[in-house]
Each structure stands twice: as structure tokens, then as C-alpha cells.
Amino acid sequence: MSNEVQTADERRKAIQVGADELGIDDAYISTLVDTFYGKVRAHPLLGPVFDEKIGDNWDVHLTRMKDFWASVAMNAGRYSGKPVPKHKALSRAQPWHFNIWLALFHETLEETAPAPGAVPYFMERAERIAESLQLAMFGVAGLGAPKPQTEKSP
């Protein structure tokens, strides 16, 4: 990797070229999301967590997740949601659910990836996302959930 500073456009193009070289395109993102969330919905522990908030709106959720993963993997720029508040609203979610989610995601990638390199490409991103959501939802391990900020907090 070069030490040159890239512009935002150069970085975006590099991500798009890298994804393309791995066979990651909208068709693959659609397969990945549909297959993965089929597993999530069928999972005895994760299914109820998601169904609690999504209910009968899975078509809307899947479309949003396709835009999300296209933006993450291909820098498509189609997702503009706020995932932290949505995930914080999952009252049944537990920190260990993320391990199951990641395992199902990895399994799905192994079954569907267009190239072997796509598995670590997606998993690196999925692990960062899971860690970020866990921290936002549950705080640092051993310290409890983050405390709400008040005007008098230092």
C-alpha cells in the first residue's frame, strides 16, 4: 500500500475497484442479504429479537440492508440511516447475540461468496460494525451500559 494521501474520490474509486475484483456487486449483495436474513429469521434466538421490531416489514428491512451493505462493501452511498438508535430499541438484544450474528454472517459468506477474498473483506467490516453497535448498546465490557449525558455532567 502506498503512503500517498488519497482524495475522497480516489479512496471511493479504490473501494469500488477492490469490491469489483472480488465479484461484489448489487446482485451478490442481494443474495448475501436475503440468504443471511433468512437464517436470522429462522434462528431460535435471533429471530424473535428481530421480529419484535421488524414484524411484517421484512421487505422494507431487507431493502434497507441491501443499501447498507452496498454502501459498506462498495461505497455505493445509498444508505443514510441511523443504526445505533434502531439497535438500541431492540429490548431483547443481548451482547452475546452478536457472536451468533457474526457466526451466521460468516457461514452465509462461506456459502455464497463470489471469491474467497470476499469472506475476510466482509467479515472485517461486519466485526467492526458489531463491535461499534455493542459498545453503543452495552458499553465497555465490565463497565455496564453508557450513562446518558445530562447538562450537569462534566
N, C-alpha and C. Protein backbone atom coordinates (compact mmCIF):
# COMPACT_ATOMS: atom_id res chain seq x y z
N MET A 1 0.84 -1.18 0.00
CA MET A 1 0.00 0.00 0.00
C MET A 1 0.88 1.24 0.00
N SER A 2 0.49 2.20 -0.75
CA SER A 2 1.24 3.44 -0.90
C SER A 2 1.02 4.35 0.30
N ASN A 3 2.01 5.19 0.59
CA ASN A 3 1.89 6.17 1.66
C ASN A 3 1.28 7.47 1.17
N GLU A 4 0.91 7.53 -0.11
CA GLU A 4 0.32 8.73 -0.66
C GLU A 4 -1.04 8.99 -0.03
N VAL A 5 -1.35 10.24 0.18
CA VAL A 5 -2.66 10.63 0.68
C VAL A 5 -3.63 10.61 -0.50
N GLN A 6 -4.76 9.93 -0.30
CA GLN A 6 -5.76 9.85 -1.35
C GLN A 6 -6.88 10.85 -1.09
N THR A 7 -7.43 11.36 -2.17
CA THR A 7 -8.63 12.19 -2.04
C THR A 7 -9.80 11.26 -1.74
N ALA A 8 -10.90 11.85 -1.33
CA ALA A 8 -12.10 11.06 -1.07
C ALA A 8 -12.55 10.33 -2.34
N ASP A 9 -12.47 10.98 -3.47
CA ASP A 9 -12.87 10.35 -4.73
C ASP A 9 -11.94 9.19 -5.09
N GLU A 10 -10.64 9.37 -4.85
CA GLU A 10 -9.69 8.29 -5.13
C GLU A 10 -9.94 7.10 -4.20
N ARG A 11 -10.22 7.38 -2.93
CA ARG A 11 -10.50 6.30 -1.97
C ARG A 11 -11.78 5.56 -2.35
N ARG A 12 -12.81 6.32 -2.71
CA ARG A 12 -14.08 5.72 -3.13
C ARG A 12 -13.87 4.82 -4.34
N LYS A 13 -13.12 5.31 -5.31
CA LYS A 13 -12.86 4.52 -6.53
C LYS A 13 -12.05 3.26 -6.19
N ALA A 14 -11.08 3.36 -5.31
CA ALA A 14 -10.28 2.20 -4.91
C ALA A 14 -11.16 1.14 -4.25
N ILE A 15 -12.09 1.57 -3.39
CA ILE A 15 -13.00 0.62 -2.74
C ILE A 15 -13.88 -0.04 -3.79
N GLN A 16 -14.39 0.73 -4.73
CA GLN A 16 -15.26 0.18 -5.77
C GLN A 16 -14.51 -0.81 -6.65
N VAL A 17 -13.27 -0.49 -7.01
CA VAL A 17 -12.46 -1.40 -7.83
C VAL A 17 -12.15 -2.67 -7.05
N GLY A 18 -11.79 -2.54 -5.77
CA GLY A 18 -11.50 -3.71 -4.95
C GLY A 18 -12.70 -4.62 -4.81
N ALA A 19 -13.87 -4.04 -4.59
CA ALA A 19 -15.09 -4.84 -4.48
C ALA A 19 -15.38 -5.54 -5.80
N ASP A 20 -15.23 -4.81 -6.90
CA ASP A 20 -15.47 -5.38 -8.22
C ASP A 20 -14.54 -6.56 -8.49
N GLU A 21 -13.28 -6.43 -8.09
CA GLU A 21 -12.31 -7.52 -8.29
C GLU A 21 -12.69 -8.77 -7.50
N LEU A 22 -13.42 -8.59 -6.39
CA LEU A 22 -13.86 -9.73 -5.58
C LEU A 22 -15.21 -10.27 -6.03
N GLY A 23 -15.79 -9.68 -7.07
CA GLY A 23 -17.09 -10.12 -7.55
C GLY A 23 -18.25 -9.59 -6.73
N ILE A 24 -17.99 -8.55 -5.96
CA ILE A 24 -19.03 -7.96 -5.12
C ILE A 24 -19.75 -6.89 -5.94
N ASP A 25 -21.03 -7.16 -6.18
CA ASP A 25 -21.87 -6.22 -6.91
C ASP A 25 -23.27 -6.26 -6.29
N ASP A 26 -24.19 -5.50 -6.85
CA ASP A 26 -25.54 -5.44 -6.28
C ASP A 26 -26.22 -6.80 -6.27
N ALA A 27 -25.99 -7.60 -7.29
CA ALA A 27 -26.60 -8.93 -7.33
C ALA A 27 -26.09 -9.79 -6.18
N TYR A 28 -24.78 -9.73 -5.93
CA TYR A 28 -24.24 -10.51 -4.81
C TYR A 28 -24.75 -9.98 -3.47
N ILE A 29 -24.78 -8.66 -3.31
CA ILE A 29 -25.28 -8.07 -2.06
C ILE A 29 -26.70 -8.56 -1.80
N SER A 30 -27.52 -8.60 -2.83
CA SER A 30 -28.89 -9.06 -2.69
C SER A 30 -28.94 -10.52 -2.23
N THR A 31 -28.11 -11.37 -2.82
CA THR A 31 -28.03 -12.78 -2.42
C THR A 31 -27.57 -12.90 -0.97
N LEU A 32 -26.53 -12.16 -0.63
CA LEU A 32 -25.99 -12.21 0.73
C LEU A 32 -27.05 -11.81 1.75
N VAL A 33 -27.68 -10.68 1.54
CA VAL A 33 -28.67 -10.17 2.50
C VAL A 33 -29.87 -11.11 2.60
N ASP A 34 -30.41 -11.54 1.47
CA ASP A 34 -31.58 -12.43 1.51
C ASP A 34 -31.25 -13.75 2.20
N THR A 35 -30.10 -14.32 1.89
CA THR A 35 -29.70 -15.60 2.49
C THR A 35 -29.43 -15.43 3.98
N PHE A 36 -28.67 -14.41 4.33
CA PHE A 36 -28.33 -14.19 5.73
C PHE A 36 -29.56 -13.93 6.58
N TYR A 37 -30.41 -13.02 6.16
CA TYR A 37 -31.58 -12.71 6.99
C TYR A 37 -32.60 -13.84 6.99
N GLY A 38 -32.57 -14.71 6.00
CA GLY A 38 -33.37 -15.93 6.07
C GLY A 38 -32.90 -16.79 7.23
N LYS A 39 -31.59 -16.88 7.42
CA LYS A 39 -31.02 -17.63 8.55
C LYS A 39 -31.35 -16.95 9.88
N VAL A 40 -31.25 -15.61 9.91
CA VAL A 40 -31.55 -14.87 11.13
C VAL A 40 -33.00 -15.10 11.53
N ARG A 41 -33.91 -14.98 10.59
CA ARG A 41 -35.34 -15.14 10.89
C ARG A 41 -35.64 -16.54 11.39
N ALA A 42 -34.94 -17.53 10.89
CA ALA A 42 -35.19 -18.92 11.30
C ALA A 42 -34.48 -19.28 12.60
N HIS A 43 -33.54 -18.47 13.04
CA HIS A 43 -32.75 -18.79 14.23
C HIS A 43 -33.63 -18.65 15.48
N PRO A 44 -33.60 -19.66 16.36
CA PRO A 44 -34.49 -19.62 17.54
C PRO A 44 -34.19 -18.51 18.53
N LEU A 45 -32.97 -17.99 18.56
CA LEU A 45 -32.64 -16.90 19.47
C LEU A 45 -32.67 -15.52 18.79
N LEU A 46 -32.15 -15.43 17.58
CA LEU A 46 -32.11 -14.14 16.89
C LEU A 46 -33.44 -13.76 16.25
N GLY A 47 -34.14 -14.74 15.72
CA GLY A 47 -35.41 -14.46 15.04
C GLY A 47 -36.35 -13.61 15.87
N PRO A 48 -36.63 -13.99 17.12
CA PRO A 48 -37.56 -13.18 17.93
C PRO A 48 -37.04 -11.77 18.24
N VAL A 49 -35.73 -11.60 18.35
CA VAL A 49 -35.16 -10.28 18.62
C VAL A 49 -35.49 -9.34 17.45
N PHE A 50 -35.29 -9.83 16.23
CA PHE A 50 -35.55 -9.02 15.05
C PHE A 50 -37.05 -8.85 14.80
N ASP A 51 -37.80 -9.94 14.95
CA ASP A 51 -39.24 -9.87 14.70
C ASP A 51 -39.95 -8.90 15.64
N GLU A 52 -39.41 -8.72 16.84
CA GLU A 52 -40.01 -7.80 17.79
C GLU A 52 -40.16 -6.39 17.19
N LYS A 53 -39.18 -5.94 16.45
CA LYS A 53 -39.21 -4.60 15.87
C LYS A 53 -39.62 -4.58 14.41
N ILE A 54 -39.25 -5.61 13.66
CA ILE A 54 -39.50 -5.61 12.22
C ILE A 54 -40.91 -6.09 11.90
N GLY A 55 -41.40 -7.06 12.65
CA GLY A 55 -42.75 -7.57 12.42
C GLY A 55 -42.95 -8.03 10.99
N ASP A 56 -43.94 -7.44 10.32
CA ASP A 56 -44.26 -7.80 8.93
C ASP A 56 -43.54 -6.91 7.92
N ASN A 57 -42.59 -6.12 8.36
CA ASN A 57 -41.92 -5.17 7.48
C ASN A 57 -40.56 -5.67 6.99
N TRP A 58 -40.44 -6.96 6.76
CA TRP A 58 -39.15 -7.52 6.34
C TRP A 58 -38.73 -7.02 4.97
N ASP A 59 -39.68 -6.79 4.06
CA ASP A 59 -39.30 -6.30 2.73
C ASP A 59 -38.60 -4.95 2.84
N VAL A 60 -39.12 -4.06 3.68
CA VAL A 60 -38.51 -2.75 3.89
C VAL A 60 -37.13 -2.91 4.52
N HIS A 61 -37.04 -3.79 5.53
CA HIS A 61 -35.76 -4.00 6.21
C HIS A 61 -34.71 -4.57 5.25
N LEU A 62 -35.09 -5.55 4.44
CA LEU A 62 -34.13 -6.16 3.52
C LEU A 62 -33.64 -5.15 2.48
N THR A 63 -34.53 -4.32 1.99
CA THR A 63 -34.12 -3.27 1.05
C THR A 63 -33.12 -2.33 1.71
N ARG A 64 -33.41 -1.94 2.95
CA ARG A 64 -32.50 -1.05 3.69
C ARG A 64 -31.15 -1.73 3.92
N MET A 65 -31.16 -3.03 4.25
CA MET A 65 -29.90 -3.75 4.49
C MET A 65 -29.09 -3.93 3.21
N LYS A 66 -29.76 -4.08 2.09
CA LYS A 66 -29.04 -4.16 0.81
C LYS A 66 -28.35 -2.83 0.51
N ASP A 67 -29.04 -1.72 0.78
CA ASP A 67 -28.41 -0.41 0.60
C ASP A 67 -27.25 -0.23 1.58
N PHE A 68 -27.46 -0.68 2.82
CA PHE A 68 -26.41 -0.57 3.84
C PHE A 68 -25.16 -1.34 3.41
N TRP A 69 -25.32 -2.62 3.07
CA TRP A 69 -24.16 -3.44 2.72
C TRP A 69 -23.52 -3.01 1.41
N ALA A 70 -24.32 -2.48 0.46
CA ALA A 70 -23.73 -1.94 -0.77
C ALA A 70 -22.88 -0.72 -0.44
N SER A 71 -23.33 0.08 0.51
CA SER A 71 -22.57 1.25 0.92
C SER A 71 -21.30 0.86 1.66
N VAL A 72 -21.39 -0.15 2.53
CA VAL A 72 -20.23 -0.62 3.28
C VAL A 72 -19.22 -1.30 2.37
N ALA A 73 -19.68 -2.18 1.51
CA ALA A 73 -18.76 -3.01 0.72
C ALA A 73 -18.30 -2.35 -0.58
N MET A 74 -19.17 -1.53 -1.17
CA MET A 74 -18.85 -0.96 -2.49
C MET A 74 -18.81 0.56 -2.48
N ASN A 75 -18.99 1.15 -1.31
CA ASN A 75 -19.04 2.60 -1.19
C ASN A 75 -20.10 3.19 -2.11
N ALA A 76 -21.27 2.51 -2.15
CA ALA A 76 -22.35 2.91 -3.06
C ALA A 76 -23.04 4.20 -2.62
N GLY A 77 -22.97 4.52 -1.33
CA GLY A 77 -23.56 5.76 -0.86
C GLY A 77 -25.07 5.79 -0.85
N ARG A 78 -25.71 4.62 -0.77
CA ARG A 78 -27.17 4.58 -0.80
C ARG A 78 -27.82 4.50 0.57
N TYR A 79 -27.03 4.27 1.61
CA TYR A 79 -27.60 4.14 2.96
C TYR A 79 -27.39 5.43 3.72
N SER A 80 -28.46 5.91 4.35
CA SER A 80 -28.33 7.13 5.15
C SER A 80 -29.14 7.01 6.44
N GLY A 81 -29.13 5.82 7.03
CA GLY A 81 -29.88 5.61 8.26
C GLY A 81 -29.06 5.85 9.50
N LYS A 82 -29.68 5.60 10.64
CA LYS A 82 -29.02 5.74 11.94
C LYS A 82 -29.16 4.40 12.67
N PRO A 83 -28.18 3.50 12.48
CA PRO A 83 -28.32 2.16 13.03
C PRO A 83 -28.27 2.07 14.55
N VAL A 84 -27.56 2.96 15.23
CA VAL A 84 -27.43 2.85 16.69
C VAL A 84 -28.79 2.98 17.38
N PRO A 85 -29.57 4.03 17.12
CA PRO A 85 -30.88 4.11 17.79
C PRO A 85 -31.79 2.93 17.47
N LYS A 86 -31.73 2.46 16.24
CA LYS A 86 -32.56 1.32 15.85
C LYS A 86 -32.17 0.08 16.65
N HIS A 87 -30.88 -0.15 16.81
CA HIS A 87 -30.43 -1.32 17.56
C HIS A 87 -30.63 -1.16 19.06
N LYS A 88 -30.51 0.04 19.56
CA LYS A 88 -30.77 0.28 20.99
C LYS A 88 -32.22 -0.02 21.34
N ALA A 89 -33.11 0.11 20.37
CA ALA A 89 -34.53 -0.14 20.59
C ALA A 89 -34.87 -1.63 20.68
N LEU A 90 -33.90 -2.49 20.41
CA LEU A 90 -34.12 -3.94 20.49
C LEU A 90 -34.02 -4.36 21.96
N SER A 91 -35.14 -4.37 22.64
CA SER A 91 -35.13 -4.62 24.09
C SER A 91 -34.69 -6.04 24.45
N ARG A 92 -34.83 -6.97 23.54
CA ARG A 92 -34.43 -8.35 23.82
C ARG A 92 -32.97 -8.65 23.48
N ALA A 93 -32.30 -7.71 22.84
CA ALA A 93 -30.92 -7.95 22.39
C ALA A 93 -29.98 -8.07 23.59
N GLN A 94 -29.05 -9.00 23.47
CA GLN A 94 -28.03 -9.24 24.49
C GLN A 94 -26.65 -9.18 23.81
N PRO A 95 -25.61 -8.85 24.55
CA PRO A 95 -24.27 -8.77 23.93
C PRO A 95 -23.87 -10.05 23.20
N TRP A 96 -24.20 -11.20 23.76
CA TRP A 96 -23.79 -12.46 23.14
C TRP A 96 -24.54 -12.76 21.84
N HIS A 97 -25.63 -12.06 21.57
CA HIS A 97 -26.33 -12.24 20.29
C HIS A 97 -25.42 -11.87 19.12
N PHE A 98 -24.48 -10.94 19.36
CA PHE A 98 -23.59 -10.52 18.28
C PHE A 98 -22.68 -11.67 17.83
N ASN A 99 -22.29 -12.54 18.74
CA ASN A 99 -21.47 -13.70 18.36
C ASN A 99 -22.25 -14.62 17.43
N ILE A 100 -23.52 -14.81 17.72
CA ILE A 100 -24.37 -15.65 16.86
C ILE A 100 -24.53 -14.97 15.50
N TRP A 101 -24.81 -13.67 15.52
CA TRP A 101 -25.00 -12.91 14.29
C TRP A 101 -23.75 -13.03 13.40
N LEU A 102 -22.57 -12.83 14.01
CA LEU A 102 -21.33 -12.92 13.25
C LEU A 102 -21.09 -14.33 12.71
N ALA A 103 -21.41 -15.34 13.50
CA ALA A 103 -21.22 -16.73 13.04
C ALA A 103 -22.15 -17.03 11.86
N LEU A 104 -23.39 -16.58 11.92
CA LEU A 104 -24.31 -16.79 10.80
C LEU A 104 -23.87 -16.00 9.57
N PHE A 105 -23.36 -14.81 9.79
CA PHE A 105 -22.89 -14.00 8.68
C PHE A 105 -21.70 -14.68 8.00
N HIS A 106 -20.77 -15.17 8.81
CA HIS A 106 -19.60 -15.88 8.27
C HIS A 106 -20.03 -17.13 7.51
N GLU A 107 -20.93 -17.89 8.09
CA GLU A 107 -21.45 -19.10 7.42
C GLU A 107 -22.07 -18.74 6.07
N THR A 108 -22.85 -17.68 6.04
CA THR A 108 -23.50 -17.25 4.80
C THR A 108 -22.47 -16.84 3.77
N LEU A 109 -21.45 -16.11 4.19
CA LEU A 109 -20.39 -15.72 3.28
C LEU A 109 -19.68 -16.94 2.71
N GLU A 110 -19.36 -17.90 3.56
CA GLU A 110 -18.68 -19.12 3.09
C GLU A 110 -19.52 -19.85 2.04
N GLU A 111 -20.83 -19.79 2.19
CA GLU A 111 -21.73 -20.47 1.25
C GLU A 111 -21.96 -19.69 -0.04
N THR A 112 -21.85 -18.37 0.01
CA THR A 112 -22.29 -17.57 -1.13
C THR A 112 -21.21 -16.69 -1.77
N ALA A 113 -20.08 -16.51 -1.14
CA ALA A 113 -19.09 -15.54 -1.62
C ALA A 113 -18.67 -15.81 -3.06
N PRO A 114 -18.61 -14.76 -3.88
CA PRO A 114 -18.21 -14.92 -5.27
C PRO A 114 -16.72 -15.23 -5.45
N ALA A 115 -15.92 -14.95 -4.41
CA ALA A 115 -14.48 -15.24 -4.43
C ALA A 115 -14.04 -15.43 -2.98
N PRO A 116 -13.02 -16.26 -2.74
CA PRO A 116 -12.58 -16.48 -1.36
C PRO A 116 -12.21 -15.20 -0.62
N GLY A 117 -11.66 -14.24 -1.30
CA GLY A 117 -11.27 -12.99 -0.66
C GLY A 117 -12.44 -12.15 -0.18
N ALA A 118 -13.64 -12.44 -0.67
CA ALA A 118 -14.82 -11.69 -0.23
C ALA A 118 -15.18 -12.00 1.22
N VAL A 119 -14.82 -13.19 1.69
CA VAL A 119 -15.16 -13.57 3.07
C VAL A 119 -14.44 -12.67 4.07
N PRO A 120 -13.11 -12.58 4.04
CA PRO A 120 -12.46 -11.68 5.00
C PRO A 120 -12.80 -10.21 4.75
N TYR A 121 -13.05 -9.84 3.51
CA TYR A 121 -13.41 -8.47 3.16
C TYR A 121 -14.67 -8.05 3.92
N PHE A 122 -15.70 -8.90 3.87
CA PHE A 122 -16.95 -8.61 4.57
C PHE A 122 -16.81 -8.80 6.07
N MET A 123 -16.10 -9.84 6.50
CA MET A 123 -16.01 -10.12 7.94
C MET A 123 -15.28 -9.00 8.68
N GLU A 124 -14.27 -8.43 8.08
CA GLU A 124 -13.57 -7.31 8.72
C GLU A 124 -14.56 -6.18 9.00
N ARG A 125 -15.39 -5.89 8.03
CA ARG A 125 -16.37 -4.82 8.19
C ARG A 125 -17.47 -5.20 9.17
N ALA A 126 -17.95 -6.43 9.08
CA ALA A 126 -19.01 -6.90 9.99
C ALA A 126 -18.54 -6.90 11.44
N GLU A 127 -17.31 -7.30 11.67
CA GLU A 127 -16.78 -7.32 13.05
C GLU A 127 -16.66 -5.90 13.61
N ARG A 128 -16.23 -4.95 12.78
CA ARG A 128 -16.15 -3.56 13.23
C ARG A 128 -17.54 -3.00 13.54
N ILE A 129 -18.50 -3.31 12.69
CA ILE A 129 -19.87 -2.85 12.90
C ILE A 129 -20.44 -3.46 14.18
N ALA A 130 -20.24 -4.75 14.37
CA ALA A 130 -20.75 -5.43 15.57
C ALA A 130 -20.12 -4.83 16.83
N GLU A 131 -18.82 -4.59 16.79
CA GLU A 131 -18.14 -4.02 17.95
C GLU A 131 -18.68 -2.62 18.27
N SER A 132 -18.86 -1.83 17.24
CA SER A 132 -19.38 -0.48 17.42
C SER A 132 -20.79 -0.49 18.00
N LEU A 133 -21.64 -1.36 17.48
CA LEU A 133 -23.01 -1.45 18.00
C LEU A 133 -23.03 -1.97 19.43
N GLN A 134 -22.19 -2.95 19.72
CA GLN A 134 -22.12 -3.47 21.09
C GLN A 134 -21.71 -2.38 22.07
N LEU A 135 -20.71 -1.62 21.71
CA LEU A 135 -20.27 -0.53 22.59
C LEU A 135 -21.38 0.50 22.79
N ALA A 136 -22.07 0.84 21.72
CA ALA A 136 -23.15 1.82 21.83
C ALA A 136 -24.32 1.28 22.65
N MET A 137 -24.59 0.00 22.53
CA MET A 137 -25.75 -0.59 23.20
C MET A 137 -25.48 -1.00 24.64
N PHE A 138 -24.27 -1.52 24.88
CA PHE A 138 -24.00 -2.15 26.17
C PHE A 138 -22.82 -1.56 26.92
N GLY A 139 -22.09 -0.65 26.31
CA GLY A 139 -20.94 -0.05 26.95
C GLY A 139 -19.72 -0.95 26.89
N VAL A 140 -18.69 -0.55 27.59
CA VAL A 140 -17.44 -1.30 27.64
C VAL A 140 -17.64 -2.50 28.55
N ALA A 141 -17.12 -3.65 28.15
CA ALA A 141 -17.25 -4.86 28.95
C ALA A 141 -16.83 -4.60 30.38
N GLY A 142 -17.68 -5.00 31.31
CA GLY A 142 -17.37 -4.86 32.72
C GLY A 142 -17.74 -3.50 33.31
N LEU A 143 -18.07 -2.54 32.47
CA LEU A 143 -18.39 -1.21 32.97
C LEU A 143 -19.89 -0.90 32.88
N GLY A 144 -20.64 -1.76 32.24
CA GLY A 144 -22.07 -1.51 32.11
C GLY A 144 -22.38 -0.63 30.92
N ALA A 145 -23.66 -0.32 30.77
CA ALA A 145 -24.11 0.48 29.64
C ALA A 145 -23.67 1.93 29.80
N PRO A 146 -23.50 2.63 28.69
CA PRO A 146 -23.13 4.03 28.79
C PRO A 146 -24.21 4.81 29.54
N LYS A 147 -23.78 5.76 30.34
CA LYS A 147 -24.71 6.58 31.10
C LYS A 147 -25.18 7.74 30.22
N PRO A 148 -26.47 8.06 30.28
CA PRO A 148 -26.95 9.20 29.49
C PRO A 148 -26.28 10.48 29.98
N GLN A 149 -25.98 11.36 29.06
CA GLN A 149 -25.35 12.64 29.40
C GLN A 149 -26.43 13.62 29.85
N THR A 150 -26.14 14.36 30.88
CA THR A 150 -27.03 15.43 31.34
C THR A 150 -26.26 16.73 31.23
N GLU A 151 -26.97 17.82 31.37
CA GLU A 151 -26.31 19.12 31.27
C GLU A 151 -25.29 19.34 32.36
N LYS A 152 -25.45 18.68 33.51
CA LYS A 152 -24.54 18.88 34.62
C LYS A 152 -23.36 17.92 34.61
N SER A 153 -23.35 16.99 33.64
CA SER A 153 -22.23 16.04 33.56
C SER A 153 -20.97 16.79 33.17
N PRO A 154 -19.83 16.40 33.76
CA PRO A 154 -18.57 17.09 33.44
C PRO A 154 -18.12 16.83 32.02
